[in-house]
Amino acid sequence: MPKIKTHSGAKKRFKLTATGKVAYKKIGRGHLLRKKNQKRIRALKKKGYLGSTAAKKIKQLMPYSD
């Protein structure tokens, strides 16, 4: 049985944590930071975690990241 290919877009954008959650980098930190307040910028520094339904789909795209 051949190996399943990992989705290259998913492997660049998502990471599986040790507990099995799917983490991603939040959007909005690229540019135009001057007009965003510090509370918002601090919140954007933190990782985001997908909900269970979306995480299930991403785990299918990355079969060997368990």
PDB file of N, CA and C in Angstrom:
ATOM      1  N   MET A   1       0.838  -1.187   0.000  1.00  0.00           N
ATOM      2  CA  MET A   1       0.000   0.000   0.000  1.00  0.00           C
ATOM      3  C   MET A   1       0.887   1.256   0.000  1.00  0.00           C
ATOM      4  N   PRO A   2       0.712   2.168  -0.949  1.00  0.00           N
ATOM      5  CA  PRO A   2       1.564   3.352  -0.980  1.00  0.00           C
ATOM      6  C   PRO A   2       1.210   4.340   0.130  1.00  0.00           C
ATOM      7  N   LYS A   3       2.174   5.194   0.435  1.00  0.00           N
ATOM      8  CA  LYS A   3       1.938   6.209   1.454  1.00  0.00           C
ATOM      9  C   LYS A   3       0.975   7.272   0.933  1.00  0.00           C
ATOM     10  N   ILE A   4       0.274   7.927   1.852  1.00  0.00           N
ATOM     11  CA  ILE A   4      -0.626   9.027   1.503  1.00  0.00           C
ATOM     12  C   ILE A   4       0.184  10.313   1.538  1.00  0.00           C
ATOM     13  N   LYS A   5      -0.033  11.177   0.545  1.00  0.00           N
ATOM     14  CA  LYS A   5       0.701  12.437   0.517  1.00  0.00           C
ATOM     15  C   LYS A   5       0.104  13.414   1.524  1.00  0.00           C
ATOM     16  N   THR A   6       0.981  14.181   2.180  1.00  0.00           N
ATOM     17  CA  THR A   6       0.569  15.239   3.086  1.00  0.00           C
ATOM     18  C   THR A   6       0.224  16.474   2.261  1.00  0.00           C
ATOM     19  N   HIS A   7      -0.843  17.162   2.619  1.00  0.00           N
ATOM     20  CA  HIS A   7      -1.255  18.381   1.928  1.00  0.00           C
ATOM     21  C   HIS A   7      -0.238  19.483   2.229  1.00  0.00           C
ATOM     22  N   SER A   8       0.431  19.993   1.195  1.00  0.00           N
ATOM     23  CA  SER A   8       1.541  20.918   1.416  1.00  0.00           C
ATOM     24  C   SER A   8       1.080  22.251   1.982  1.00  0.00           C
ATOM     25  N   GLY A   9      -0.137  22.683   1.655  1.00  0.00           N
ATOM     26  CA  GLY A   9      -0.660  23.927   2.221  1.00  0.00           C
ATOM     27  C   GLY A   9      -0.960  23.788   3.696  1.00  0.00           C
ATOM     28  N   ALA A  10      -1.455  22.626   4.100  1.00  0.00           N
ATOM     29  CA  ALA A  10      -1.798  22.393   5.504  1.00  0.00           C
ATOM     30  C   ALA A  10      -0.554  22.281   6.369  1.00  0.00           C
ATOM     31  N   LYS A  11       0.490  21.645   5.854  1.00  0.00           N
ATOM     32  CA  LYS A  11       1.692  21.470   6.679  1.00  0.00           C
ATOM     33  C   LYS A  11       2.405  22.791   6.916  1.00  0.00           C
ATOM     34  N   LYS A  12       2.207  23.778   6.013  1.00  0.00           N
ATOM     35  CA  LYS A  12       2.809  25.088   6.193  1.00  0.00           C
ATOM     36  C   LYS A  12       2.036  25.937   7.203  1.00  0.00           C
ATOM     37  N   ARG A  13       0.751  25.697   7.343  1.00  0.00           N
ATOM     38  CA  ARG A  13      -0.103  26.583   8.127  1.00  0.00           C
ATOM     39  C   ARG A  13      -0.517  26.049   9.489  1.00  0.00           C
ATOM     40  N   PHE A  14      -0.465  24.742   9.682  1.00  0.00           N
ATOM     41  CA  PHE A  14      -0.958  24.142  10.919  1.00  0.00           C
ATOM     42  C   PHE A  14       0.108  23.258  11.552  1.00  0.00           C
ATOM     43  N   LYS A  15      -0.001  23.091  12.876  1.00  0.00           N
ATOM     44  CA  LYS A  15       0.933  22.249  13.619  1.00  0.00           C
ATOM     45  C   LYS A  15       0.135  21.466  14.641  1.00  0.00           C
ATOM     46  N   LEU A  16       0.452  20.197  14.797  1.00  0.00           N
ATOM     47  CA  LEU A  16      -0.212  19.382  15.801  1.00  0.00           C
ATOM     48  C   LEU A  16       0.552  19.480  17.114  1.00  0.00           C
ATOM     49  N   THR A  17      -0.159  19.760  18.206  1.00  0.00           N
ATOM     50  CA  THR A  17       0.482  19.836  19.520  1.00  0.00           C
ATOM     51  C   THR A  17       0.612  18.430  20.100  1.00  0.00           C
ATOM     52  N   ALA A  18       1.293  18.330  21.213  1.00  0.00           N
ATOM     53  CA  ALA A  18       1.509  17.028  21.844  1.00  0.00           C
ATOM     54  C   ALA A  18       0.207  16.417  22.347  1.00  0.00           C
ATOM     55  N   THR A  19      -0.763  17.266  22.695  1.00  0.00           N
ATOM     56  CA  THR A  19      -2.050  16.757  23.186  1.00  0.00           C
ATOM     57  C   THR A  19      -3.032  16.469  22.059  1.00  0.00           C
ATOM     58  N   GLY A  20      -2.631  16.736  20.812  1.00  0.00           N
ATOM     59  CA  GLY A  20      -3.487  16.416  19.674  1.00  0.00           C
ATOM     60  C   GLY A  20      -4.309  17.578  19.148  1.00  0.00           C
ATOM     61  N   LYS A  21      -4.114  18.785  19.699  1.00  0.00           N
ATOM     62  CA  LYS A  21      -4.823  19.958  19.194  1.00  0.00           C
ATOM     63  C   LYS A  21      -4.130  20.455  17.932  1.00  0.00           C
ATOM     64  N   VAL A  22      -4.883  21.184  17.102  1.00  0.00           N
ATOM     65  CA  VAL A  22      -4.317  21.762  15.886  1.00  0.00           C
ATOM     66  C   VAL A  22      -4.130  23.255  16.123  1.00  0.00           C
ATOM     67  N   ALA A  23      -2.866  23.707  16.079  1.00  0.00           N
ATOM     68  CA  ALA A  23      -2.532  25.110  16.324  1.00  0.00           C
ATOM     69  C   ALA A  23      -2.256  25.805  15.002  1.00  0.00           C
ATOM     70  N   TYR A  24      -2.527  27.121  14.990  1.00  0.00           N
ATOM     71  CA  TYR A  24      -2.246  27.928  13.806  1.00  0.00           C
ATOM     72  C   TYR A  24      -1.826  29.320  14.258  1.00  0.00           C
ATOM     73  N   LYS A  25      -1.193  30.064  13.355  1.00  0.00           N
ATOM     74  CA  LYS A  25      -0.773  31.431  13.631  1.00  0.00           C
ATOM     75  C   LYS A  25      -1.923  32.357  13.263  1.00  0.00           C
ATOM     76  N   LYS A  26      -2.248  33.283  14.139  1.00  0.00           N
ATOM     77  CA  LYS A  26      -3.361  34.199  13.900  1.00  0.00           C
ATOM     78  C   LYS A  26      -3.011  35.212  12.819  1.00  0.00           C
ATOM     79  N   ILE A  27      -4.042  35.659  12.107  1.00  0.00           N
ATOM     80  CA  ILE A  27      -3.838  36.631  11.037  1.00  0.00           C
ATOM     81  C   ILE A  27      -3.827  38.043  11.614  1.00  0.00           C
ATOM     82  N   GLY A  28      -3.281  38.977  10.861  1.00  0.00           N
ATOM     83  CA  GLY A  28      -3.348  40.374  11.247  1.00  0.00           C
ATOM     84  C   GLY A  28      -2.078  40.948  11.836  1.00  0.00           C
ATOM     85  N   ARG A  29      -0.957  40.189  11.808  1.00  0.00           N
ATOM     86  CA  ARG A  29       0.298  40.677  12.378  1.00  0.00           C
ATOM     87  C   ARG A  29       1.307  41.077  11.303  1.00  0.00           C
ATOM     88  N   GLY A  30       0.906  41.092  10.064  1.00  0.00           N
ATOM     89  CA  GLY A  30       1.858  41.326   8.987  1.00  0.00           C
ATOM     90  C   GLY A  30       2.280  42.765   8.830  1.00  0.00           C
ATOM     91  N   HIS A  31       1.314  43.690   8.787  1.00  0.00           N
ATOM     92  CA  HIS A  31       1.631  45.094   8.557  1.00  0.00           C
ATOM     93  C   HIS A  31       0.487  45.939   9.115  1.00  0.00           C
ATOM     94  N   LEU A  32       0.616  47.256   9.027  1.00  0.00           N
ATOM     95  CA  LEU A  32      -0.361  48.218   9.562  1.00  0.00           C
ATOM     96  C   LEU A  32      -0.576  48.016  11.065  1.00  0.00           C
ATOM     97  N   LEU A  33       0.521  47.788  11.778  1.00  0.00           N
ATOM     98  CA  LEU A  33       0.423  47.535  13.215  1.00  0.00           C
ATOM     99  C   LEU A  33       0.284  48.822  14.019  1.00  0.00           C
ATOM    100  N   ARG A  34       0.627  49.949  13.439  1.00  0.00           N
ATOM    101  CA  ARG A  34       0.605  51.214  14.161  1.00  0.00           C
ATOM    102  C   ARG A  34      -0.808  51.576  14.618  1.00  0.00           C
ATOM    103  N   LYS A  35      -1.791  51.276  13.803  1.00  0.00           N
ATOM    104  CA  LYS A  35      -3.166  51.646  14.139  1.00  0.00           C
ATOM    105  C   LYS A  35      -3.862  50.630  15.055  1.00  0.00           C
ATOM    106  N   LYS A  36      -3.245  49.493  15.272  1.00  0.00           N
ATOM    107  CA  LYS A  36      -3.834  48.474  16.150  1.00  0.00           C
ATOM    108  C   LYS A  36      -3.334  48.704  17.579  1.00  0.00           C
ATOM    109  N   ASN A  37      -4.239  48.625  18.556  1.00  0.00           N
ATOM    110  CA  ASN A  37      -3.820  48.890  19.928  1.00  0.00           C
ATOM    111  C   ASN A  37      -3.032  47.706  20.494  1.00  0.00           C
ATOM    112  N   GLN A  38      -2.306  47.971  21.586  1.00  0.00           N
ATOM    113  CA  GLN A  38      -1.372  46.983  22.132  1.00  0.00           C
ATOM    114  C   GLN A  38      -2.073  45.729  22.640  1.00  0.00           C
ATOM    115  N   LYS A  39      -3.272  45.898  23.169  1.00  0.00           N
ATOM    116  CA  LYS A  39      -4.034  44.744  23.659  1.00  0.00           C
ATOM    117  C   LYS A  39      -4.342  43.782  22.501  1.00  0.00           C
ATOM    118  N   ARG A  40      -4.694  44.352  21.369  1.00  0.00           N
ATOM    119  CA  ARG A  40      -5.004  43.546  20.186  1.00  0.00           C
ATOM    120  C   ARG A  40      -3.751  42.856  19.654  1.00  0.00           C
ATOM    121  N   ILE A  41      -2.627  43.579  19.626  1.00  0.00           N
ATOM    122  CA  ILE A  41      -1.380  43.008  19.121  1.00  0.00           C
ATOM    123  C   ILE A  41      -0.904  41.874  20.023  1.00  0.00           C
ATOM    124  N   ARG A  42      -1.029  42.031  21.346  1.00  0.00           N
ATOM    125  CA  ARG A  42      -0.655  40.960  22.267  1.00  0.00           C
ATOM    126  C   ARG A  42      -1.516  39.728  22.054  1.00  0.00           C
ATOM    127  N   ALA A  43      -2.800  39.937  21.806  1.00  0.00           N
ATOM    128  CA  ALA A  43      -3.706  38.806  21.572  1.00  0.00           C
ATOM    129  C   ALA A  43      -3.367  38.084  20.272  1.00  0.00           C
ATOM    130  N   LEU A  44      -2.892  38.834  19.278  1.00  0.00           N
ATOM    131  CA  LEU A  44      -2.534  38.231  17.995  1.00  0.00           C
ATOM    132  C   LEU A  44      -1.227  37.453  18.062  1.00  0.00           C
ATOM    133  N   LYS A  45      -0.395  37.710  19.089  1.00  0.00           N
ATOM    134  CA  LYS A  45       0.855  36.963  19.251  1.00  0.00           C
ATOM    135  C   LYS A  45       0.604  35.511  19.626  1.00  0.00           C
ATOM    136  N   LYS A  46      -0.490  35.262  20.352  1.00  0.00           N
ATOM    137  CA  LYS A  46      -0.773  33.918  20.849  1.00  0.00           C
ATOM    138  C   LYS A  46      -1.215  33.001  19.712  1.00  0.00           C
ATOM    139  N   LYS A  47      -1.019  31.728  19.909  1.00  0.00           N
ATOM    140  CA  LYS A  47      -1.458  30.750  18.921  1.00  0.00           C
ATOM    141  C   LYS A  47      -2.962  30.575  19.010  1.00  0.00           C
ATOM    142  N   GLY A  48      -3.567  30.257  17.872  1.00  0.00           N
ATOM    143  CA  GLY A  48      -4.976  29.914  17.852  1.00  0.00           C
ATOM    144  C   GLY A  48      -5.110  28.404  17.768  1.00  0.00           C
ATOM    145  N   TYR A  49      -6.230  27.894  18.241  1.00  0.00           N
ATOM    146  CA  TYR A  49      -6.481  26.452  18.191  1.00  0.00           C
ATOM    147  C   TYR A  49      -7.804  26.208  17.497  1.00  0.00           C
ATOM    148  N   LEU A  50      -7.807  25.247  16.582  1.00  0.00           N
ATOM    149  CA  LEU A  50      -9.016  24.939  15.828  1.00  0.00           C
ATOM    150  C   LEU A  50     -10.015  24.185  16.687  1.00  0.00           C
ATOM    151  N   GLY A  51     -11.282  24.343  16.341  1.00  0.00           N
ATOM    152  CA  GLY A  51     -12.327  23.571  16.985  1.00  0.00           C
ATOM    153  C   GLY A  51     -12.278  22.124  16.524  1.00  0.00           C
ATOM    154  N   SER A  52     -13.090  21.285  17.152  1.00  0.00           N
ATOM    155  CA  SER A  52     -12.992  19.843  16.895  1.00  0.00           C
ATOM    156  C   SER A  52     -13.355  19.469  15.462  1.00  0.00           C
ATOM    157  N   THR A  53     -14.352  20.132  14.875  1.00  0.00           N
ATOM    158  CA  THR A  53     -14.788  19.786  13.522  1.00  0.00           C
ATOM    159  C   THR A  53     -13.726  20.142  12.494  1.00  0.00           C
ATOM    160  N   ALA A  54     -13.188  21.360  12.580  1.00  0.00           N
ATOM    161  CA  ALA A  54     -12.154  21.794  11.637  1.00  0.00           C
ATOM    162  C   ALA A  54     -10.861  21.014  11.855  1.00  0.00           C
ATOM    163  N   ALA A  55     -10.551  20.705  13.112  1.00  0.00           N
ATOM    164  CA  ALA A  55      -9.331  19.962  13.415  1.00  0.00           C
ATOM    165  C   ALA A  55      -9.364  18.574  12.801  1.00  0.00           C
ATOM    166  N   LYS A  56     -10.518  17.966  12.776  1.00  0.00           N
ATOM    167  CA  LYS A  56     -10.655  16.632  12.193  1.00  0.00           C
ATOM    168  C   LYS A  56     -10.311  16.651  10.706  1.00  0.00           C
ATOM    169  N   LYS A  57     -10.748  17.696   9.997  1.00  0.00           N
ATOM    170  CA  LYS A  57     -10.463  17.810   8.565  1.00  0.00           C
ATOM    171  C   LYS A  57      -8.976  18.051   8.309  1.00  0.00           C
ATOM    172  N   ILE A  58      -8.344  18.875   9.149  1.00  0.00           N
ATOM    173  CA  ILE A  58      -6.921  19.166   8.978  1.00  0.00           C
ATOM    174  C   ILE A  58      -6.085  17.931   9.277  1.00  0.00           C
ATOM    175  N   LYS A  59      -6.480  17.136  10.261  1.00  0.00           N
ATOM    176  CA  LYS A  59      -5.744  15.912  10.593  1.00  0.00           C
ATOM    177  C   LYS A  59      -5.798  14.900   9.452  1.00  0.00           C
ATOM    178  N   GLN A  60      -6.894  14.929   8.664  1.00  0.00           N
ATOM    179  CA  GLN A  60      -6.979  14.050   7.502  1.00  0.00           C
ATOM    180  C   GLN A  60      -5.980  14.480   6.424  1.00  0.00           C
ATOM    181  N   LEU A  61      -5.740  15.813   6.326  1.00  0.00           N
ATOM    182  CA  LEU A  61      -4.800  16.323   5.329  1.00  0.00           C
ATOM    183  C   LEU A  61      -3.346  16.066   5.711  1.00  0.00           C
ATOM    184  N   MET A  62      -3.097  15.843   7.016  1.00  0.00           N
ATOM    185  CA  MET A  62      -1.738  15.579   7.503  1.00  0.00           C
ATOM    186  C   MET A  62      -1.699  14.231   8.199  1.00  0.00           C
ATOM    187  N   PRO A  63      -1.691  13.140   7.451  1.00  0.00           N
ATOM    188  CA  PRO A  63      -1.845  11.821   8.059  1.00  0.00           C
ATOM    189  C   PRO A  63      -0.682  11.360   8.928  1.00  0.00           C
ATOM    190  N   TYR A  64       0.536  11.869   8.712  1.00  0.00           N
ATOM    191  CA  TYR A  64       1.692  11.367   9.445  1.00  0.00           C
ATOM    192  C   TYR A  64       2.173  12.308  10.537  1.00  0.00           C
ATOM    193  N   SER A  65       1.355  13.275  10.913  1.00  0.00           N
ATOM    194  CA  SER A  65       1.779  14.237  11.935  1.00  0.00           C
ATOM    195  C   SER A  65       1.310  13.849  13.332  1.00  0.00           C
ATOM    196  N   ASP A  66       0.836  12.628  13.517  1.00  0.00           N
ATOM    197  CA  ASP A  66       0.365  12.180  14.825  1.00  0.00           C
ATOM    198  C   ASP A  66       1.507  12.000  15.796  1.00  0.00           C
TER     199      ASP A  66
END
